[in-house]
Amino acid sequence: MFQVIGGRSVQAARILAPRSAVLVEAVRGRKSRTDPVAKSKEGRIKVPPPVDPEEMAVLKERYSEYQMIMRALRVLRVQKEKEEAERKQVESVLQREQEQQELIKQKELDILKLQEEVKNFITLENLDQRIEEALDNPKNYNFAIDKKGSVVKQTVLQ
């Protein structure tokens, strides 16, 4: 064991030791594993305390009941977790199906909207008609918006 350094030498050791060094202080009343057995205990034979057979039988019975209860609880917990996992899986499948149905409905609406817009497309057949309509109804996009949000048109279409 480490020897206890008394008085001024402890302070000197702290001063002389580098900052990163670990200072170990002695602990009284403890023996390391390598220290020999005390002389008063050299010839002693360790005898375990006597065990009452009736008490041991009762303890074993209680312990087996405890193990049986714990096993049953574990089985119940695992079964409950499996049911919960299956329920979550079914819910996720239903949710995915619902999302797919909503996506299909949205796509159908988009297709219907595009079919309505096709009627207004400019094609080679209606190109002359559209040009005449544009020349007959000119639009002026040259305007300003003031701070109040109203449209100010001061330019005249030529």
C-alpha atoms as a PDB file:
ATOM      1  CA  MET A   1       0.000   0.000   0.000  1.00  0.00           C
ATOM      2  CA  PHE A   2       1.022   3.572  -0.362  1.00  0.00           C
ATOM      3  CA  GLN A   3       2.701   5.158   2.563  1.00  0.00           C
ATOM      4  CA  VAL A   4       1.078   8.202   4.045  1.00  0.00           C
ATOM      5  CA  ILE A   5       3.297  11.205   3.591  1.00  0.00           C
ATOM      6  CA  GLY A   6       2.964  13.589   6.462  1.00  0.00           C
ATOM      7  CA  GLY A   7       3.321  17.306   6.835  1.00  0.00           C
ATOM      8  CA  ARG A   8       5.290  19.419   4.424  1.00  0.00           C
ATOM      9  CA  SER A   9       6.311  16.650   2.044  1.00  0.00           C
ATOM     10  CA  VAL A  10       2.708  16.322   0.751  1.00  0.00           C
ATOM     11  CA  GLN A  11       2.689  19.991  -0.169  1.00  0.00           C
ATOM     12  CA  ALA A  12       6.132  19.608  -1.750  1.00  0.00           C
ATOM     13  CA  ALA A  13       4.923  16.627  -3.788  1.00  0.00           C
ATOM     14  CA  ARG A  14       2.009  18.676  -5.094  1.00  0.00           C
ATOM     15  CA  ILE A  15       4.296  21.517  -6.068  1.00  0.00           C
ATOM     16  CA  LEU A  16       6.872  19.271  -7.748  1.00  0.00           C
ATOM     17  CA  ALA A  17       4.366  17.052  -9.576  1.00  0.00           C
ATOM     18  CA  PRO A  18       3.522  18.015 -13.154  1.00  0.00           C
ATOM     19  CA  ARG A  19      -0.024  19.245 -13.891  1.00  0.00           C
ATOM     20  CA  SER A  20      -1.033  16.140 -15.849  1.00  0.00           C
ATOM     21  CA  ALA A  21       0.182  13.721 -13.173  1.00  0.00           C
ATOM     22  CA  VAL A  22      -2.359  11.973 -10.967  1.00  0.00           C
ATOM     23  CA  LEU A  23      -1.804  12.273  -7.248  1.00  0.00           C
ATOM     24  CA  VAL A  24      -2.723   9.116  -5.353  1.00  0.00           C
ATOM     25  CA  GLU A  25      -3.529   9.429  -1.700  1.00  0.00           C
ATOM     26  CA  ALA A  26      -3.372   6.540   0.741  1.00  0.00           C
ATOM     27  CA  VAL A  27      -6.535   4.859   2.013  1.00  0.00           C
ATOM     28  CA  ARG A  28      -6.491   3.442   5.519  1.00  0.00           C
ATOM     29  CA  GLY A  29      -7.800  -0.010   6.366  1.00  0.00           C
ATOM     30  CA  ARG A  30      -7.723  -1.475   2.843  1.00  0.00           C
ATOM     31  CA  LYS A  31      -5.555  -4.274   1.545  1.00  0.00           C
ATOM     32  CA  SER A  32      -4.629  -4.958  -2.031  1.00  0.00           C
ATOM     33  CA  ARG A  33      -5.152  -8.378  -3.573  1.00  0.00           C
ATOM     34  CA  THR A  34      -1.481  -9.174  -3.343  1.00  0.00           C
ATOM     35  CA  ASP A  35      -1.233  -8.551   0.398  1.00  0.00           C
ATOM     36  CA  PRO A  36      -1.021 -11.764   2.494  1.00  0.00           C
ATOM     37  CA  VAL A  37      -3.793 -12.976   4.800  1.00  0.00           C
ATOM     38  CA  ALA A  38      -3.644 -11.647   8.360  1.00  0.00           C
ATOM     39  CA  LYS A  39      -1.909 -13.947  10.884  1.00  0.00           C
ATOM     40  CA  SER A  40      -5.067 -14.172  13.016  1.00  0.00           C
ATOM     41  CA  LYS A  41      -7.018 -15.586  10.053  1.00  0.00           C
ATOM     42  CA  GLU A  42      -4.384 -17.905   8.562  1.00  0.00           C
ATOM     43  CA  GLY A  43      -5.737 -21.214   9.889  1.00  0.00           C
ATOM     44  CA  ARG A  44      -9.410 -20.383   9.548  1.00  0.00           C
ATOM     45  CA  ILE A  45     -11.561 -22.676   7.417  1.00  0.00           C
ATOM     46  CA  LYS A  46     -14.545 -21.036   5.759  1.00  0.00           C
ATOM     47  CA  VAL A  47     -17.672 -23.041   6.492  1.00  0.00           C
ATOM     48  CA  PRO A  48     -20.906 -21.950   4.812  1.00  0.00           C
ATOM     49  CA  PRO A  49     -23.882 -21.421   7.090  1.00  0.00           C
ATOM     50  CA  PRO A  50     -26.191 -24.419   7.426  1.00  0.00           C
ATOM     51  CA  VAL A  51     -29.227 -24.494   5.146  1.00  0.00           C
ATOM     52  CA  ASP A  52     -32.604 -25.675   6.419  1.00  0.00           C
ATOM     53  CA  PRO A  53     -33.987 -28.201   3.858  1.00  0.00           C
ATOM     54  CA  GLU A  54     -37.621 -27.227   4.506  1.00  0.00           C
ATOM     55  CA  GLU A  55     -36.843 -23.548   3.986  1.00  0.00           C
ATOM     56  CA  MET A  56     -34.878 -24.382   0.819  1.00  0.00           C
ATOM     57  CA  ALA A  57     -37.841 -26.374  -0.552  1.00  0.00           C
ATOM     58  CA  VAL A  58     -40.193 -23.457   0.155  1.00  0.00           C
ATOM     59  CA  LEU A  59     -37.789 -21.012  -1.492  1.00  0.00           C
ATOM     60  CA  LYS A  60     -37.420 -23.246  -4.566  1.00  0.00           C
ATOM     61  CA  GLU A  61     -41.197 -23.568  -4.853  1.00  0.00           C
ATOM     62  CA  ARG A  62     -41.673 -19.818  -4.551  1.00  0.00           C
ATOM     63  CA  TYR A  63     -38.923 -19.188  -7.088  1.00  0.00           C
ATOM     64  CA  SER A  64     -40.471 -21.625  -9.589  1.00  0.00           C
ATOM     65  CA  GLU A  65     -43.857 -19.856  -9.137  1.00  0.00           C
ATOM     66  CA  TYR A  66     -42.141 -16.523  -9.688  1.00  0.00           C
ATOM     67  CA  GLN A  67     -40.469 -17.806 -12.867  1.00  0.00           C
ATOM     68  CA  MET A  68     -43.783 -19.199 -14.126  1.00  0.00           C
ATOM     69  CA  ILE A  69     -45.540 -15.863 -13.520  1.00  0.00           C
ATOM     70  CA  MET A  70     -42.742 -13.909 -15.200  1.00  0.00           C
ATOM     71  CA  ARG A  71     -42.799 -16.273 -18.217  1.00  0.00           C
ATOM     72  CA  ALA A  72     -46.577 -15.820 -18.542  1.00  0.00           C
ATOM     73  CA  LEU A  73     -46.235 -12.031 -18.321  1.00  0.00           C
ATOM     74  CA  ARG A  74     -43.490 -12.079 -20.942  1.00  0.00           C
ATOM     75  CA  VAL A  75     -45.637 -14.192 -23.278  1.00  0.00           C
ATOM     76  CA  LEU A  76     -48.573 -11.799 -22.781  1.00  0.00           C
ATOM     77  CA  ARG A  77     -46.365  -8.793 -23.485  1.00  0.00           C
ATOM     78  CA  VAL A  78     -44.927 -10.368 -26.655  1.00  0.00           C
ATOM     79  CA  GLN A  79     -48.420 -11.333 -27.823  1.00  0.00           C
ATOM     80  CA  LYS A  80     -49.690  -7.806 -27.161  1.00  0.00           C
ATOM     81  CA  GLU A  81     -46.727  -6.312 -29.056  1.00  0.00           C
ATOM     82  CA  LYS A  82     -47.408  -8.619 -32.030  1.00  0.00           C
ATOM     83  CA  GLU A  83     -51.069  -7.592 -32.101  1.00  0.00           C
ATOM     84  CA  GLU A  84     -50.076  -3.919 -31.902  1.00  0.00           C
ATOM     85  CA  ALA A  85     -47.576  -4.352 -34.752  1.00  0.00           C
ATOM     86  CA  GLU A  86     -50.191  -6.121 -36.895  1.00  0.00           C
ATOM     87  CA  ARG A  87     -52.727  -3.378 -36.158  1.00  0.00           C
ATOM     88  CA  LYS A  88     -50.232  -0.678 -37.126  1.00  0.00           C
ATOM     89  CA  GLN A  89     -49.380  -2.542 -40.317  1.00  0.00           C
ATOM     90  CA  VAL A  90     -53.055  -2.846 -41.276  1.00  0.00           C
ATOM     91  CA  GLU A  91     -53.580   0.854 -40.537  1.00  0.00           C
ATOM     92  CA  SER A  92     -50.581   1.807 -42.673  1.00  0.00           C
ATOM     93  CA  VAL A  93     -51.851  -0.366 -45.557  1.00  0.00           C
ATOM     94  CA  LEU A  94     -55.299   1.256 -45.313  1.00  0.00           C
ATOM     95  CA  GLN A  95     -53.750   4.712 -45.185  1.00  0.00           C
ATOM     96  CA  ARG A  96     -51.592   3.957 -48.247  1.00  0.00           C
ATOM     97  CA  GLU A  97     -54.644   2.725 -50.146  1.00  0.00           C
ATOM     98  CA  GLN A  98     -56.585   5.846 -49.177  1.00  0.00           C
ATOM     99  CA  GLU A  99     -53.702   8.066 -50.300  1.00  0.00           C
ATOM    100  CA  GLN A 100     -53.552   6.198 -53.623  1.00  0.00           C
ATOM    101  CA  GLN A 101     -57.304   6.682 -54.102  1.00  0.00           C
ATOM    102  CA  GLU A 102     -56.949  10.400 -53.380  1.00  0.00           C
ATOM    103  CA  LEU A 103     -54.036  10.596 -55.821  1.00  0.00           C
ATOM    104  CA  ILE A 104     -56.098   8.844 -58.510  1.00  0.00           C
ATOM    105  CA  LYS A 105     -59.007  11.264 -57.928  1.00  0.00           C
ATOM    106  CA  GLN A 106     -56.638  14.227 -58.138  1.00  0.00           C
ATOM    107  CA  LYS A 107     -55.137  12.911 -61.388  1.00  0.00           C
ATOM    108  CA  GLU A 108     -58.634  12.390 -62.841  1.00  0.00           C
ATOM    109  CA  LEU A 109     -59.542  15.970 -61.938  1.00  0.00           C
ATOM    110  CA  ASP A 110     -56.325  17.203 -63.561  1.00  0.00           C
ATOM    111  CA  ILE A 111     -57.144  15.237 -66.724  1.00  0.00           C
ATOM    112  CA  LEU A 112     -60.663  16.695 -66.841  1.00  0.00           C
ATOM    113  CA  LYS A 113     -59.256  20.184 -66.355  1.00  0.00           C
ATOM    114  CA  LEU A 114     -56.740  19.667 -69.165  1.00  0.00           C
ATOM    115  CA  GLN A 115     -59.486  18.345 -71.432  1.00  0.00           C
ATOM    116  CA  GLU A 116     -61.432  21.559 -70.771  1.00  0.00           C
ATOM    117  CA  GLU A 117     -58.339  23.644 -71.502  1.00  0.00           C
ATOM    118  CA  VAL A 118     -57.708  21.792 -74.776  1.00  0.00           C
ATOM    119  CA  LYS A 119     -60.774  23.509 -76.186  1.00  0.00           C
ATOM    120  CA  ASN A 120     -58.982  26.872 -75.814  1.00  0.00           C
ATOM    121  CA  PHE A 121     -55.661  25.797 -77.362  1.00  0.00           C
ATOM    122  CA  ILE A 122     -54.519  27.469 -80.551  1.00  0.00           C
ATOM    123  CA  THR A 123     -54.240  24.951 -83.372  1.00  0.00           C
ATOM    124  CA  LEU A 124     -53.581  25.261 -87.101  1.00  0.00           C
ATOM    125  CA  GLU A 125     -57.334  25.060 -87.778  1.00  0.00           C
ATOM    126  CA  ASN A 126     -58.264  27.997 -85.532  1.00  0.00           C
ATOM    127  CA  LEU A 127     -55.080  30.051 -85.919  1.00  0.00           C
ATOM    128  CA  ASP A 128     -56.598  32.660 -88.288  1.00  0.00           C
ATOM    129  CA  GLN A 129     -59.672  33.053 -86.079  1.00  0.00           C
ATOM    130  CA  ARG A 130     -57.548  33.603 -82.948  1.00  0.00           C
ATOM    131  CA  ILE A 131     -55.368  36.188 -84.687  1.00  0.00           C
ATOM    132  CA  GLU A 132     -58.477  38.126 -85.777  1.00  0.00           C
ATOM    133  CA  GLU A 133     -59.882  37.990 -82.208  1.00  0.00           C
ATOM    134  CA  ALA A 134     -56.588  39.316 -80.808  1.00  0.00           C
ATOM    135  CA  LEU A 135     -56.524  42.180 -83.296  1.00  0.00           C
ATOM    136  CA  ASP A 136     -60.188  43.039 -82.679  1.00  0.00           C
ATOM    137  CA  ASN A 137     -59.839  43.037 -78.868  1.00  0.00           C
ATOM    138  CA  PRO A 138     -56.482  44.580 -77.965  1.00  0.00           C
ATOM    139  CA  LYS A 139     -55.340  44.381 -74.326  1.00  0.00           C
ATOM    140  CA  ASN A 140     -53.084  46.909 -72.652  1.00  0.00           C
ATOM    141  CA  TYR A 141     -50.874  45.534 -69.885  1.00  0.00           C
ATOM    142  CA  ASN A 142     -49.054  48.838 -69.434  1.00  0.00           C
ATOM    143  CA  PHE A 143     -50.394  50.054 -66.079  1.00  0.00           C
ATOM    144  CA  ALA A 144     -49.172  50.815 -62.567  1.00  0.00           C
ATOM    145  CA  ILE A 145     -50.409  49.967 -59.067  1.00  0.00           C
ATOM    146  CA  ASP A 146     -50.309  52.662 -56.384  1.00  0.00           C
ATOM    147  CA  LYS A 147     -49.723  52.158 -52.632  1.00  0.00           C
ATOM    148  CA  LYS A 148     -53.438  51.650 -51.987  1.00  0.00           C
ATOM    149  CA  GLY A 149     -53.536  48.783 -54.476  1.00  0.00           C
ATOM    150  CA  SER A 150     -55.632  50.434 -57.153  1.00  0.00           C
ATOM    151  CA  VAL A 151     -54.714  50.198 -60.858  1.00  0.00           C
ATOM    152  CA  VAL A 152     -53.596  53.450 -62.521  1.00  0.00           C
ATOM    153  CA  LYS A 153     -53.920  53.554 -66.332  1.00  0.00           C
ATOM    154  CA  GLN A 154     -52.463  56.711 -67.834  1.00  0.00           C
ATOM    155  CA  THR A 155     -51.182  55.359 -71.087  1.00  0.00           C
ATOM    156  CA  VAL A 156     -53.402  55.344 -74.148  1.00  0.00           C
ATOM    157  CA  LEU A 157     -53.415  52.425 -76.532  1.00  0.00           C
ATOM    158  CA  GLN A 158     -52.036  53.528 -79.931  1.00  0.00           C
END
